[in-house]
């Protein structure tokens, strides 16, 4: 699984994610939280990673659709820098 962490997200990147995400009120959540992790992998791994992240820390987890909206292509983890770090740490502790 590929994971990238952004401690702050630029306005342009926020707009790309908001357009592609399937989550109402995401613009408000971006105002409340500064850090974002994006994960790419197969559907099974992303669903499992979502569960791990939400159990590990206080984060919002949502999907970002790709070219074909029916497919889950990226998972996003949004929260404070420490919460996102903790979630990613938990995900990385698994043996994939």
Protein backbone atom coordinates (compact mmCIF):
# COMPACT_ATOMS: atom_id res chain seq x y z
CA UNK A 1 0.00 0.00 0.00
CA UNK A 2 1.22 3.49 -0.86
CA UNK A 3 0.76 6.19 1.82
CA UNK A 4 1.50 9.91 1.63
CA UNK A 5 1.05 12.38 4.50
CA UNK A 6 0.50 16.11 4.13
CA UNK A 7 0.81 18.13 7.34
CA UNK A 8 -0.99 21.01 5.62
CA UNK A 9 -3.02 20.91 2.42
CA UNK A 10 -2.91 23.68 -0.18
CA UNK A 11 -6.17 25.27 -1.34
CA UNK A 12 -5.83 23.81 -4.83
CA UNK A 13 -5.31 20.32 -3.47
CA UNK A 14 -8.32 20.74 -1.16
CA UNK A 15 -10.49 21.67 -4.13
CA UNK A 16 -9.34 18.61 -6.11
CA UNK A 17 -10.17 16.35 -3.17
CA UNK A 18 -13.53 18.01 -2.46
CA UNK A 19 -14.57 17.50 -6.11
CA UNK A 20 -13.59 13.84 -6.05
CA UNK A 21 -14.65 12.85 -2.54
CA UNK A 22 -17.95 11.29 -1.62
CA UNK A 23 -18.46 13.17 1.61
CA UNK A 24 -20.82 16.01 2.47
CA UNK A 25 -19.39 18.90 4.46
CA UNK A 26 -15.80 18.16 3.55
CA UNK A 27 -15.00 21.84 3.06
CA UNK A 28 -15.89 22.46 6.72
CA UNK A 29 -13.79 19.52 7.89
CA UNK A 30 -10.80 20.90 5.98
CA UNK A 31 -11.20 24.16 7.89
CA UNK A 32 -11.14 22.25 11.20
CA UNK A 33 -8.28 19.84 10.43
CA UNK A 34 -4.88 20.52 8.93
CA UNK A 35 -3.33 17.13 8.13
CA UNK A 36 -4.26 14.61 5.47
CA UNK A 37 -2.98 11.16 4.60
CA UNK A 38 -3.88 9.57 1.27
CA UNK A 39 -3.60 5.84 0.75
CA UNK A 40 -3.68 3.82 -2.44
CA UNK A 41 -4.05 0.07 -2.58
CA UNK A 42 -6.55 -2.66 -3.28
CA UNK A 43 -10.10 -2.33 -2.00
CA UNK A 44 -9.73 -4.94 0.74
CA UNK A 45 -6.60 -3.27 2.14
CA UNK A 46 -8.15 0.21 2.01
CA UNK A 47 -11.28 -0.88 3.88
CA UNK A 48 -9.16 -2.57 6.52
CA UNK A 49 -6.89 0.48 6.78
CA UNK A 50 -9.96 2.68 7.23
CA UNK A 51 -11.09 0.58 10.17
CA UNK A 52 -7.62 0.62 11.74
CA UNK A 53 -7.32 4.40 11.35
CA UNK A 54 -10.69 5.13 12.92
CA UNK A 55 -9.99 2.84 15.87
CA UNK A 56 -6.49 4.28 16.41
CA UNK A 57 -7.29 8.00 16.64
CA UNK A 58 -9.81 10.79 16.18
CA UNK A 59 -9.79 11.10 12.38
CA UNK A 60 -12.28 11.43 9.55
CA UNK A 61 -11.90 8.77 6.87
CA UNK A 62 -13.39 9.02 3.39
CA UNK A 63 -12.86 7.76 -0.12
CA UNK A 64 -11.60 9.70 -3.10
CA UNK A 65 -12.95 8.40 -6.38
CA UNK A 66 -10.81 8.03 -9.47
CA UNK A 67 -11.67 7.97 -13.15
CA UNK A 68 -14.44 5.45 -12.66
CA UNK A 69 -16.66 6.56 -9.74
CA UNK A 70 -17.69 2.98 -8.98
CA UNK A 71 -14.19 2.08 -7.81
CA UNK A 72 -12.56 2.95 -4.51
CA UNK A 73 -9.13 4.15 -5.55
CA UNK A 74 -7.87 6.24 -2.64
CA UNK A 75 -8.60 6.47 1.03
CA UNK A 76 -8.15 9.80 2.80
CA UNK A 77 -7.53 10.26 6.51
CA UNK A 78 -8.16 13.79 7.77
CA UNK A 79 -7.43 15.14 11.23
CA UNK A 80 -4.89 16.90 13.37
CA UNK A 81 -1.25 16.18 12.54
CA UNK A 82 -0.86 13.99 15.62
CA UNK A 83 -4.11 12.09 14.97
CA UNK A 84 -3.20 11.39 11.34
CA UNK A 85 0.31 10.31 12.37
CA UNK A 86 -1.16 7.92 14.95
CA UNK A 87 -3.59 6.46 12.41
CA UNK A 88 -0.85 5.94 9.82
CA UNK A 89 1.44 4.45 12.46
CA UNK A 90 -1.27 1.90 13.29
CA UNK A 91 -1.79 1.08 9.62
CA UNK A 92 1.96 0.67 9.07
CA UNK A 93 2.18 -1.70 12.04
CA UNK A 94 0.19 -4.29 10.09
CA UNK A 95 1.99 -6.81 7.94
CA UNK A 96 0.60 -6.33 4.47
